[in-house]
Protein backbone atom coordinates (compact mmCIF):
# COMPACT_ATOMS: atom_id res chain seq x y z
CA UNK A 1 0.00 0.00 0.00
CA UNK A 2 1.13 3.52 -0.50
CA UNK A 3 0.53 6.85 1.14
CA UNK A 4 -2.65 7.44 -0.87
CA UNK A 5 -4.23 4.25 0.47
CA UNK A 6 -3.75 5.14 4.10
CA UNK A 7 -0.18 4.36 5.04
CA UNK A 8 2.76 2.16 4.34
CA UNK A 9 2.60 -1.61 4.00
CA UNK A 10 4.43 -1.86 7.32
CA UNK A 11 1.87 0.33 9.10
CA UNK A 12 -1.06 -1.49 7.50
CA UNK A 13 0.42 -4.86 8.43
CA UNK A 14 0.97 -3.85 12.03
CA UNK A 15 -2.56 -2.43 12.26
CA UNK A 16 -4.08 -5.63 10.84
CA UNK A 17 -2.19 -7.85 13.28
CA UNK A 18 -3.16 -5.62 16.20
CA UNK A 19 -6.84 -5.78 15.18
CA UNK A 20 -6.72 -9.56 14.97
CA UNK A 21 -4.74 -10.12 18.19
CA UNK A 22 -5.40 -7.09 20.43
CA UNK A 23 -4.43 -8.92 23.63
CA UNK A 24 -0.96 -9.49 22.20
CA UNK A 25 -0.33 -5.93 21.06
CA UNK A 26 2.92 -5.41 22.97
CA UNK A 27 4.33 -8.68 21.67
CA UNK A 28 3.26 -7.83 18.10
CA UNK A 29 4.87 -4.39 18.26
CA UNK A 30 8.13 -5.73 19.68
CA UNK A 31 8.35 -8.62 17.23
CA UNK A 32 7.60 -6.33 14.29
CA UNK A 33 10.50 -4.07 15.29
CA UNK A 34 13.09 -6.83 15.23
CA UNK A 35 11.80 -9.44 12.76
CA UNK A 36 11.53 -8.57 9.08
CA UNK A 37 9.89 -11.89 8.29
CA UNK A 38 7.17 -11.22 10.85
CA UNK A 39 6.59 -7.75 9.39
CA UNK A 40 6.22 -9.33 5.96
CA UNK A 41 3.71 -11.81 7.30
CA UNK A 42 1.69 -8.96 8.79
CA UNK A 43 1.85 -7.04 5.51
CA UNK A 44 0.60 -10.10 3.63
CA UNK A 45 -2.16 -10.51 6.21
CA UNK A 46 -3.29 -6.90 5.71
CA UNK A 47 -3.24 -7.31 1.93
CA UNK A 48 -5.33 -10.49 2.17
CA UNK A 49 -7.83 -8.76 4.47
CA UNK A 50 -8.05 -5.87 2.02
CA UNK A 51 -8.60 -8.22 -0.91
CA UNK A 52 -11.32 -10.04 1.04
CA UNK A 53 -13.02 -6.75 1.87
CA UNK A 54 -13.20 -5.92 -1.84
CA UNK A 55 -14.56 -9.23 -3.14
CA UNK A 56 -18.03 -7.72 -3.48
CA UNK A 57 -16.64 -5.58 -6.29
CA UNK A 58 -15.64 -8.63 -8.33
CA UNK A 59 -17.78 -9.99 -11.15
CA UNK A 60 -20.56 -12.18 -9.83
CA UNK A 61 -19.32 -15.31 -11.60
CA UNK A 62 -16.02 -15.33 -9.61
CA UNK A 63 -17.09 -13.58 -6.42
CA UNK A 64 -17.90 -16.60 -4.22
CA UNK A 65 -14.80 -18.52 -5.26
CA UNK A 66 -12.48 -15.56 -4.67
CA UNK A 67 -14.13 -14.80 -1.32
CA UNK A 68 -13.50 -18.38 -0.19
CA UNK A 69 -9.88 -18.18 -1.37
CA UNK A 70 -9.24 -14.91 0.46
CA UNK A 71 -11.00 -16.11 3.63
CA UNK A 72 -8.76 -19.17 3.61
CA UNK A 73 -5.68 -17.04 3.02
CA UNK A 74 -6.60 -14.65 5.85
CA UNK A 75 -7.07 -17.54 8.27
CA UNK A 76 -3.85 -19.22 7.16
CA UNK A 77 -1.83 -16.04 7.63
CA UNK A 78 -3.48 -15.40 11.00
CA UNK A 79 -2.40 -18.88 12.08
CA UNK A 80 1.17 -18.16 10.92
CA UNK A 81 1.22 -14.90 12.87
CA UNK A 82 -0.14 -16.64 15.95
CA UNK A 83 2.51 -19.33 15.60
CA UNK A 84 5.24 -16.70 15.28
CA UNK A 85 3.92 -14.98 18.38
CA UNK A 86 4.02 -18.28 20.24
CA UNK A 87 7.58 -18.94 19.11
CA UNK A 88 8.63 -15.49 20.27
CA UNK A 89 7.04 -15.80 23.72
CA UNK A 90 10.22 -16.62 25.58
CA UNK A 91 12.16 -13.80 23.96
CA UNK A 92 9.86 -10.92 24.81
PDB file of N, CA and C in Angstrom:
ATOM      1  N   UNK A   1       0.842  -1.164   0.000  1.00  0.00           N
ATOM      2  CA  UNK A   1       0.000   0.000   0.000  1.00  0.00           C
ATOM      3  C   UNK A   1       0.892   1.232   0.000  1.00  0.00           C
ATOM      4  N   UNK A   2       0.344   2.305  -0.467  1.00  0.00           N
ATOM      5  CA  UNK A   2       1.128   3.522  -0.501  1.00  0.00           C
ATOM      6  C   UNK A   2       0.469   4.592   0.346  1.00  0.00           C
ATOM      7  N   UNK A   3       1.045   5.764   0.323  1.00  0.00           N
ATOM      8  CA  UNK A   3       0.533   6.848   1.144  1.00  0.00           C
ATOM      9  C   UNK A   3      -0.915   7.191   0.814  1.00  0.00           C
ATOM     10  N   UNK A   4      -1.287   7.104  -0.476  1.00  0.00           N
ATOM     11  CA  UNK A   4      -2.647   7.440  -0.873  1.00  0.00           C
ATOM     12  C   UNK A   4      -3.666   6.463  -0.305  1.00  0.00           C
ATOM     13  N   UNK A   5      -3.269   5.231  -0.016  1.00  0.00           N
ATOM     14  CA  UNK A   5      -4.233   4.246   0.467  1.00  0.00           C
ATOM     15  C   UNK A   5      -4.226   4.145   1.978  1.00  0.00           C
ATOM     16  N   UNK A   6      -3.615   5.091   2.668  1.00  0.00           N
ATOM     17  CA  UNK A   6      -3.753   5.136   4.103  1.00  0.00           C
ATOM     18  C   UNK A   6      -2.537   4.709   4.879  1.00  0.00           C
ATOM     19  N   UNK A   7      -1.378   4.674   4.288  1.00  0.00           N
ATOM     20  CA  UNK A   7      -0.179   4.356   5.042  1.00  0.00           C
ATOM     21  C   UNK A   7       0.682   3.333   4.343  1.00  0.00           C
ATOM     22  N   UNK A   8       1.827   3.101   4.932  1.00  0.00           N
ATOM     23  CA  UNK A   8       2.764   2.161   4.343  1.00  0.00           C
ATOM     24  C   UNK A   8       2.310   0.729   4.577  1.00  0.00           C
ATOM     25  N   UNK A   9       2.894  -0.185   3.819  1.00  0.00           N
ATOM     26  CA  UNK A   9       2.598  -1.611   4.004  1.00  0.00           C
ATOM     27  C   UNK A   9       2.907  -2.032   5.433  1.00  0.00           C
ATOM     28  N   UNK A  10       4.021  -1.511   5.961  1.00  0.00           N
ATOM     29  CA  UNK A  10       4.426  -1.862   7.322  1.00  0.00           C
ATOM     30  C   UNK A  10       3.368  -1.425   8.330  1.00  0.00           C
ATOM     31  N   UNK A  11       2.893  -0.191   8.184  1.00  0.00           N
ATOM     32  CA  UNK A  11       1.867   0.326   9.101  1.00  0.00           C
ATOM     33  C   UNK A  11       0.564  -0.449   8.969  1.00  0.00           C
ATOM     34  N   UNK A  12       0.177  -0.749   7.729  1.00  0.00           N
ATOM     35  CA  UNK A  12      -1.058  -1.491   7.497  1.00  0.00           C
ATOM     36  C   UNK A  12      -0.952  -2.904   8.063  1.00  0.00           C
ATOM     37  N   UNK A  13       0.217  -3.514   7.901  1.00  0.00           N
ATOM     38  CA  UNK A  13       0.421  -4.860   8.430  1.00  0.00           C
ATOM     39  C   UNK A  13       0.350  -4.892   9.944  1.00  0.00           C
ATOM     40  N   UNK A  14       0.994  -3.938  10.572  1.00  0.00           N
ATOM     41  CA  UNK A  14       0.966  -3.854  12.030  1.00  0.00           C
ATOM     42  C   UNK A  14      -0.464  -3.630  12.515  1.00  0.00           C
ATOM     43  N   UNK A  15      -1.181  -2.726  11.869  1.00  0.00           N
ATOM     44  CA  UNK A  15      -2.562  -2.434  12.264  1.00  0.00           C
ATOM     45  C   UNK A  15      -3.449  -3.675  12.129  1.00  0.00           C
ATOM     46  N   UNK A  16      -3.265  -4.426  11.058  1.00  0.00           N
ATOM     47  CA  UNK A  16      -4.076  -5.635  10.843  1.00  0.00           C
ATOM     48  C   UNK A  16      -3.805  -6.679  11.921  1.00  0.00           C
ATOM     49  N   UNK A  17      -2.538  -6.880  12.245  1.00  0.00           N
ATOM     50  CA  UNK A  17      -2.191  -7.853  13.279  1.00  0.00           C
ATOM     51  C   UNK A  17      -2.729  -7.417  14.640  1.00  0.00           C
ATOM     52  N   UNK A  18      -2.657  -6.137  14.918  1.00  0.00           N
ATOM     53  CA  UNK A  18      -3.163  -5.623  16.197  1.00  0.00           C
ATOM     54  C   UNK A  18      -4.684  -5.766  16.293  1.00  0.00           C
ATOM     55  N   UNK A  19      -5.375  -5.582  15.176  1.00  0.00           N
ATOM     56  CA  UNK A  19      -6.836  -5.775  15.178  1.00  0.00           C
ATOM     57  C   UNK A  19      -7.183  -7.236  15.447  1.00  0.00           C
ATOM     58  N   UNK A  20      -6.418  -8.125  14.851  1.00  0.00           N
ATOM     59  CA  UNK A  20      -6.718  -9.559  14.971  1.00  0.00           C
ATOM     60  C   UNK A  20      -6.351 -10.104  16.344  1.00  0.00           C
ATOM     61  N   UNK A  21      -5.241  -9.614  16.909  1.00  0.00           N
ATOM     62  CA  UNK A  21      -4.737 -10.122  18.189  1.00  0.00           C
ATOM     63  C   UNK A  21      -4.522  -8.968  19.172  1.00  0.00           C
ATOM     64  N   UNK A  22      -5.577  -8.277  19.575  1.00  0.00           N
ATOM     65  CA  UNK A  22      -5.403  -7.091  20.433  1.00  0.00           C
ATOM     66  C   UNK A  22      -4.768  -7.405  21.791  1.00  0.00           C
ATOM     67  N   UNK A  23      -4.993  -8.568  22.323  1.00  0.00           N
ATOM     68  CA  UNK A  23      -4.430  -8.920  23.631  1.00  0.00           C
ATOM     69  C   UNK A  23      -2.917  -9.138  23.559  1.00  0.00           C
ATOM     70  N   UNK A  24      -2.394  -9.241  22.363  1.00  0.00           N
ATOM     71  CA  UNK A  24      -0.959  -9.489  22.203  1.00  0.00           C
ATOM     72  C   UNK A  24      -0.259  -8.294  21.556  1.00  0.00           C
ATOM     73  N   UNK A  25      -0.830  -7.115  21.756  1.00  0.00           N
ATOM     74  CA  UNK A  25      -0.328  -5.930  21.063  1.00  0.00           C
ATOM     75  C   UNK A  25       1.136  -5.616  21.376  1.00  0.00           C
ATOM     76  N   UNK A  26       1.527  -5.710  22.629  1.00  0.00           N
ATOM     77  CA  UNK A  26       2.916  -5.412  22.973  1.00  0.00           C
ATOM     78  C   UNK A  26       3.862  -6.396  22.281  1.00  0.00           C
ATOM     79  N   UNK A  27       3.512  -7.648  22.312  1.00  0.00           N
ATOM     80  CA  UNK A  27       4.332  -8.678  21.674  1.00  0.00           C
ATOM     81  C   UNK A  27       4.408  -8.449  20.158  1.00  0.00           C
ATOM     82  N   UNK A  28       3.286  -8.094  19.547  1.00  0.00           N
ATOM     83  CA  UNK A  28       3.260  -7.829  18.104  1.00  0.00           C
ATOM     84  C   UNK A  28       4.160  -6.646  17.772  1.00  0.00           C
ATOM     85  N   UNK A  29       4.043  -5.575  18.526  1.00  0.00           N
ATOM     86  CA  UNK A  29       4.866  -4.393  18.263  1.00  0.00           C
ATOM     87  C   UNK A  29       6.350  -4.703  18.407  1.00  0.00           C
ATOM     88  N   UNK A  30       6.714  -5.415  19.464  1.00  0.00           N
ATOM     89  CA  UNK A  30       8.127  -5.727  19.685  1.00  0.00           C
ATOM     90  C   UNK A  30       8.669  -6.659  18.604  1.00  0.00           C
ATOM     91  N   UNK A  31       7.896  -7.675  18.248  1.00  0.00           N
ATOM     92  CA  UNK A  31       8.352  -8.618  17.230  1.00  0.00           C
ATOM     93  C   UNK A  31       8.459  -7.926  15.866  1.00  0.00           C
ATOM     94  N   UNK A  32       7.553  -7.018  15.582  1.00  0.00           N
ATOM     95  CA  UNK A  32       7.604  -6.329  14.290  1.00  0.00           C
ATOM     96  C   UNK A  32       8.823  -5.417  14.177  1.00  0.00           C
ATOM     97  N   UNK A  33       9.318  -4.926  15.303  1.00  0.00           N
ATOM     98  CA  UNK A  33      10.504  -4.074  15.292  1.00  0.00           C
ATOM     99  C   UNK A  33      11.749  -4.870  14.906  1.00  0.00           C
ATOM    100  N   UNK A  34      11.839  -6.088  15.400  1.00  0.00           N
ATOM    101  CA  UNK A  34      13.090  -6.828  15.227  1.00  0.00           C
ATOM    102  C   UNK A  34      13.059  -7.963  14.208  1.00  0.00           C
ATOM    103  N   UNK A  35      11.884  -8.282  13.639  1.00  0.00           N
ATOM    104  CA  UNK A  35      11.797  -9.444  12.756  1.00  0.00           C
ATOM    105  C   UNK A  35      11.168  -9.061  11.415  1.00  0.00           C
ATOM    106  N   UNK A  36      11.995  -8.948  10.404  1.00  0.00           N
ATOM    107  CA  UNK A  36      11.534  -8.565   9.077  1.00  0.00           C
ATOM    108  C   UNK A  36      10.555  -9.581   8.503  1.00  0.00           C
ATOM    109  N   UNK A  37      10.785 -10.842   8.770  1.00  0.00           N
ATOM    110  CA  UNK A  37       9.888 -11.890   8.288  1.00  0.00           C
ATOM    111  C   UNK A  37       8.492 -11.741   8.895  1.00  0.00           C
ATOM    112  N   UNK A  38       8.444 -11.431  10.184  1.00  0.00           N
ATOM    113  CA  UNK A  38       7.166 -11.220  10.855  1.00  0.00           C
ATOM    114  C   UNK A  38       6.452 -10.015  10.262  1.00  0.00           C
ATOM    115  N   UNK A  39       7.191  -8.930  10.009  1.00  0.00           N
ATOM    116  CA  UNK A  39       6.591  -7.751   9.389  1.00  0.00           C
ATOM    117  C   UNK A  39       5.998  -8.103   8.029  1.00  0.00           C
ATOM    118  N   UNK A  40       6.720  -8.898   7.268  1.00  0.00           N
ATOM    119  CA  UNK A  40       6.224  -9.326   5.955  1.00  0.00           C
ATOM    120  C   UNK A  40       4.954 -10.150   6.066  1.00  0.00           C
ATOM    121  N   UNK A  41       4.913 -11.016   7.064  1.00  0.00           N
ATOM    122  CA  UNK A  41       3.706 -11.810   7.304  1.00  0.00           C
ATOM    123  C   UNK A  41       2.516 -10.904   7.600  1.00  0.00           C
ATOM    124  N   UNK A  42       2.751  -9.906   8.433  1.00  0.00           N
ATOM    125  CA  UNK A  42       1.690  -8.963   8.794  1.00  0.00           C
ATOM    126  C   UNK A  42       1.239  -8.156   7.576  1.00  0.00           C
ATOM    127  N   UNK A  43       2.181  -7.771   6.724  1.00  0.00           N
ATOM    128  CA  UNK A  43       1.846  -7.038   5.508  1.00  0.00           C
ATOM    129  C   UNK A  43       0.996  -7.904   4.575  1.00  0.00           C
ATOM    130  N   UNK A  44       1.380  -9.165   4.448  1.00  0.00           N
ATOM    131  CA  UNK A  44       0.598 -10.098   3.629  1.00  0.00           C
ATOM    132  C   UNK A  44      -0.801 -10.283   4.206  1.00  0.00           C
ATOM    133  N   UNK A  45      -0.885 -10.357   5.534  1.00  0.00           N
ATOM    134  CA  UNK A  45      -2.165 -10.505   6.212  1.00  0.00           C
ATOM    135  C   UNK A  45      -3.068  -9.305   5.908  1.00  0.00           C
ATOM    136  N   UNK A  46      -2.511  -8.107   5.999  1.00  0.00           N
ATOM    137  CA  UNK A  46      -3.285  -6.897   5.709  1.00  0.00           C
ATOM    138  C   UNK A  46      -3.747  -6.885   4.253  1.00  0.00           C
ATOM    139  N   UNK A  47      -2.879  -7.278   3.348  1.00  0.00           N
ATOM    140  CA  UNK A  47      -3.242  -7.310   1.926  1.00  0.00           C
ATOM    141  C   UNK A  47      -4.358  -8.326   1.669  1.00  0.00           C
ATOM    142  N   UNK A  48      -4.290  -9.469   2.327  1.00  0.00           N
ATOM    143  CA  UNK A  48      -5.333 -10.492   2.170  1.00  0.00           C
ATOM    144  C   UNK A  48      -6.658 -10.005   2.744  1.00  0.00           C
ATOM    145  N   UNK A  49      -6.608  -9.329   3.900  1.00  0.00           N
ATOM    146  CA  UNK A  49      -7.830  -8.759   4.470  1.00  0.00           C
ATOM    147  C   UNK A  49      -8.431  -7.719   3.527  1.00  0.00           C
ATOM    148  N   UNK A  50      -7.589  -6.894   2.950  1.00  0.00           N
ATOM    149  CA  UNK A  50      -8.046  -5.870   2.017  1.00  0.00           C
ATOM    150  C   UNK A  50      -8.683  -6.510   0.783  1.00  0.00           C
ATOM    151  N   UNK A  51      -8.052  -7.531   0.259  1.00  0.00           N
ATOM    152  CA  UNK A  51      -8.599  -8.222  -0.911  1.00  0.00           C
ATOM    153  C   UNK A  51      -9.955  -8.851  -0.571  1.00  0.00           C
ATOM    154  N   UNK A  52     -10.054  -9.452   0.597  1.00  0.00           N
ATOM    155  CA  UNK A  52     -11.318 -10.039   1.038  1.00  0.00           C
ATOM    156  C   UNK A  52     -12.404  -8.967   1.158  1.00  0.00           C
ATOM    157  N   UNK A  53     -12.050  -7.835   1.694  1.00  0.00           N
ATOM    158  CA  UNK A  53     -13.015  -6.753   1.872  1.00  0.00           C
ATOM    159  C   UNK A  53     -13.543  -6.228   0.540  1.00  0.00           C
ATOM    160  N   UNK A  54     -12.798  -6.433  -0.531  1.00  0.00           N
ATOM    161  CA  UNK A  54     -13.199  -5.916  -1.838  1.00  0.00           C
ATOM    162  C   UNK A  54     -13.774  -6.979  -2.769  1.00  0.00           C
ATOM    163  N   UNK A  55     -14.032  -8.172  -2.259  1.00  0.00           N
ATOM    164  CA  UNK A  55     -14.556  -9.229  -3.135  1.00  0.00           C
ATOM    165  C   UNK A  55     -15.939  -8.894  -3.686  1.00  0.00           C
ATOM    166  N   UNK A  56     -16.699  -8.081  -2.984  1.00  0.00           N
ATOM    167  CA  UNK A  56     -18.033  -7.718  -3.483  1.00  0.00           C
ATOM    168  C   UNK A  56     -17.967  -6.898  -4.766  1.00  0.00           C
ATOM    169  N   UNK A  57     -16.801  -6.361  -5.074  1.00  0.00           N
ATOM    170  CA  UNK A  57     -16.638  -5.577  -6.295  1.00  0.00           C
ATOM    171  C   UNK A  57     -16.277  -6.447  -7.497  1.00  0.00           C
ATOM    172  N   UNK A  58     -16.014  -7.714  -7.243  1.00  0.00           N
ATOM    173  CA  UNK A  58     -15.638  -8.625  -8.328  1.00  0.00           C
ATOM    174  C   UNK A  58     -16.870  -9.037  -9.128  1.00  0.00           C
ATOM    175  N   UNK A  59     -16.656  -9.486 -10.350  1.00  0.00           N
ATOM    176  CA  UNK A  59     -17.785  -9.988 -11.149  1.00  0.00           C
ATOM    177  C   UNK A  59     -18.471 -11.148 -10.416  1.00  0.00           C
ATOM    178  N   UNK A  60     -19.758 -11.203 -10.549  1.00  0.00           N
ATOM    179  CA  UNK A  60     -20.564 -12.181  -9.829  1.00  0.00           C
ATOM    180  C   UNK A  60     -20.105 -13.621 -10.065  1.00  0.00           C
ATOM    181  N   UNK A  61     -19.675 -13.934 -11.277  1.00  0.00           N
ATOM    182  CA  UNK A  61     -19.322 -15.314 -11.597  1.00  0.00           C
ATOM    183  C   UNK A  61     -18.045 -15.799 -10.896  1.00  0.00           C
ATOM    184  N   UNK A  62     -17.237 -14.906 -10.332  1.00  0.00           N
ATOM    185  CA  UNK A  62     -16.020 -15.325  -9.613  1.00  0.00           C
ATOM    186  C   UNK A  62     -16.040 -14.928  -8.144  1.00  0.00           C
ATOM    187  N   UNK A  63     -17.048 -14.171  -7.762  1.00  0.00           N
ATOM    188  CA  UNK A  63     -17.087 -13.583  -6.418  1.00  0.00           C
ATOM    189  C   UNK A  63     -17.004 -14.617  -5.295  1.00  0.00           C
ATOM    190  N   UNK A  64     -17.855 -15.620  -5.308  1.00  0.00           N
ATOM    191  CA  UNK A  64     -17.901 -16.600  -4.217  1.00  0.00           C
ATOM    192  C   UNK A  64     -16.588 -17.383  -4.121  1.00  0.00           C
ATOM    193  N   UNK A  65     -16.054 -17.766  -5.259  1.00  0.00           N
ATOM    194  CA  UNK A  65     -14.798 -18.519  -5.263  1.00  0.00           C
ATOM    195  C   UNK A  65     -13.646 -17.677  -4.715  1.00  0.00           C
ATOM    196  N   UNK A  66     -13.557 -16.442  -5.147  1.00  0.00           N
ATOM    197  CA  UNK A  66     -12.484 -15.564  -4.666  1.00  0.00           C
ATOM    198  C   UNK A  66     -12.653 -15.259  -3.182  1.00  0.00           C
ATOM    199  N   UNK A  67     -13.888 -15.057  -2.735  1.00  0.00           N
ATOM    200  CA  UNK A  67     -14.131 -14.797  -1.316  1.00  0.00           C
ATOM    201  C   UNK A  67     -13.640 -15.981  -0.486  1.00  0.00           C
ATOM    202  N   UNK A  68     -13.948 -17.187  -0.920  1.00  0.00           N
ATOM    203  CA  UNK A  68     -13.504 -18.382  -0.194  1.00  0.00           C
ATOM    204  C   UNK A  68     -11.976 -18.465  -0.179  1.00  0.00           C
ATOM    205  N   UNK A  69     -11.353 -18.150  -1.303  1.00  0.00           N
ATOM    206  CA  UNK A  69      -9.885 -18.177  -1.374  1.00  0.00           C
ATOM    207  C   UNK A  69      -9.272 -17.167  -0.402  1.00  0.00           C
ATOM    208  N   UNK A  70      -9.797 -15.942  -0.407  1.00  0.00           N
ATOM    209  CA  UNK A  70      -9.241 -14.907   0.461  1.00  0.00           C
ATOM    210  C   UNK A  70      -9.535 -15.183   1.930  1.00  0.00           C
ATOM    211  N   UNK A  71     -10.705 -15.737   2.236  1.00  0.00           N
ATOM    212  CA  UNK A  71     -10.997 -16.109   3.627  1.00  0.00           C
ATOM    213  C   UNK A  71     -10.008 -17.156   4.111  1.00  0.00           C
ATOM    214  N   UNK A  72      -9.727 -18.133   3.266  1.00  0.00           N
ATOM    215  CA  UNK A  72      -8.761 -19.170   3.612  1.00  0.00           C
ATOM    216  C   UNK A  72      -7.365 -18.581   3.802  1.00  0.00           C
ATOM    217  N   UNK A  73      -6.982 -17.677   2.922  1.00  0.00           N
ATOM    218  CA  UNK A  73      -5.676 -17.038   3.019  1.00  0.00           C
ATOM    219  C   UNK A  73      -5.563 -16.211   4.297  1.00  0.00           C
ATOM    220  N   UNK A  74      -6.603 -15.459   4.623  1.00  0.00           N
ATOM    221  CA  UNK A  74      -6.600 -14.653   5.849  1.00  0.00           C
ATOM    222  C   UNK A  74      -6.419 -15.556   7.065  1.00  0.00           C
ATOM    223  N   UNK A  75      -7.166 -16.642   7.118  1.00  0.00           N
ATOM    224  CA  UNK A  75      -7.074 -17.542   8.270  1.00  0.00           C
ATOM    225  C   UNK A  75      -5.709 -18.227   8.341  1.00  0.00           C
ATOM    226  N   UNK A  76      -5.170 -18.595   7.206  1.00  0.00           N
ATOM    227  CA  UNK A  76      -3.846 -19.221   7.164  1.00  0.00           C
ATOM    228  C   UNK A  76      -2.762 -18.260   7.653  1.00  0.00           C
ATOM    229  N   UNK A  77      -2.817 -17.026   7.195  1.00  0.00           N
ATOM    230  CA  UNK A  77      -1.832 -16.035   7.634  1.00  0.00           C
ATOM    231  C   UNK A  77      -2.004 -15.690   9.105  1.00  0.00           C
ATOM    232  N   UNK A  78      -3.245 -15.637   9.577  1.00  0.00           N
ATOM    233  CA  UNK A  78      -3.484 -15.397  11.002  1.00  0.00           C
ATOM    234  C   UNK A  78      -2.868 -16.513  11.837  1.00  0.00           C
ATOM    235  N   UNK A  79      -2.999 -17.741  11.370  1.00  0.00           N
ATOM    236  CA  UNK A  79      -2.405 -18.878  12.079  1.00  0.00           C
ATOM    237  C   UNK A  79      -0.884 -18.776  12.090  1.00  0.00           C
ATOM    238  N   UNK A  80      -0.291 -18.335  10.980  1.00  0.00           N
ATOM    239  CA  UNK A  80       1.166 -18.156  10.925  1.00  0.00           C
ATOM    240  C   UNK A  80       1.622 -17.071  11.893  1.00  0.00           C
ATOM    241  N   UNK A  81       0.879 -15.988  11.948  1.00  0.00           N
ATOM    242  CA  UNK A  81       1.222 -14.904  12.869  1.00  0.00           C
ATOM    243  C   UNK A  81       1.121 -15.403  14.305  1.00  0.00           C
ATOM    244  N   UNK A  82       0.043 -16.101  14.593  1.00  0.00           N
ATOM    245  CA  UNK A  82      -0.139 -16.637  15.947  1.00  0.00           C
ATOM    246  C   UNK A  82       0.989 -17.603  16.316  1.00  0.00           C
ATOM    247  N   UNK A  83       1.401 -18.415  15.369  1.00  0.00           N
ATOM    248  CA  UNK A  83       2.510 -19.333  15.604  1.00  0.00           C
ATOM    249  C   UNK A  83       3.806 -18.561  15.863  1.00  0.00           C
ATOM    250  N   UNK A  84       4.040 -17.517  15.083  1.00  0.00           N
ATOM    251  CA  UNK A  84       5.237 -16.697  15.283  1.00  0.00           C
ATOM    252  C   UNK A  84       5.216 -16.022  16.654  1.00  0.00           C
ATOM    253  N   UNK A  85       4.041 -15.595  17.065  1.00  0.00           N
ATOM    254  CA  UNK A  85       3.922 -14.979  18.382  1.00  0.00           C
ATOM    255  C   UNK A  85       4.199 -15.998  19.490  1.00  0.00           C
ATOM    256  N   UNK A  86       3.759 -17.217  19.278  1.00  0.00           N
ATOM    257  CA  UNK A  86       4.024 -18.282  20.239  1.00  0.00           C
ATOM    258  C   UNK A  86       5.500 -18.613  20.316  1.00  0.00           C
ATOM    259  N   UNK A  87       6.155 -18.627  19.158  1.00  0.00           N
ATOM    260  CA  UNK A  87       7.583 -18.943  19.112  1.00  0.00           C
ATOM    261  C   UNK A  87       8.399 -17.844  19.770  1.00  0.00           C
ATOM    262  N   UNK A  88       7.896 -16.616  19.710  1.00  0.00           N
ATOM    263  CA  UNK A  88       8.634 -15.495  20.275  1.00  0.00           C
ATOM    264  C   UNK A  88       8.357 -15.254  21.752  1.00  0.00           C
ATOM    265  N   UNK A  89       7.470 -16.030  22.339  1.00  0.00           N
ATOM    266  CA  UNK A  89       7.044 -15.803  23.716  1.00  0.00           C
ATOM    267  C   UNK A  89       8.201 -15.690  24.707  1.00  0.00           C
ATOM    268  N   UNK A  90       9.139 -16.595  24.613  1.00  0.00           N
ATOM    269  CA  UNK A  90      10.224 -16.619  25.576  1.00  0.00           C
ATOM    270  C   UNK A  90      11.231 -15.505  25.398  1.00  0.00           C
ATOM    271  N   UNK A  91      11.154 -14.811  24.264  1.00  0.00           N
ATOM    272  CA  UNK A  91      12.158 -13.796  23.958  1.00  0.00           C
ATOM    273  C   UNK A  91      11.665 -12.397  24.241  1.00  0.00           C
ATOM    274  N   UNK A  92      10.417 -12.273  24.594  1.00  0.00           N
ATOM    275  CA  UNK A  92       9.863 -10.923  24.808  1.00  0.00           C
ATOM    276  C   UNK A  92       9.607 -10.698  26.268  1.00  0.00           C
TER     277      UNK A  92
END
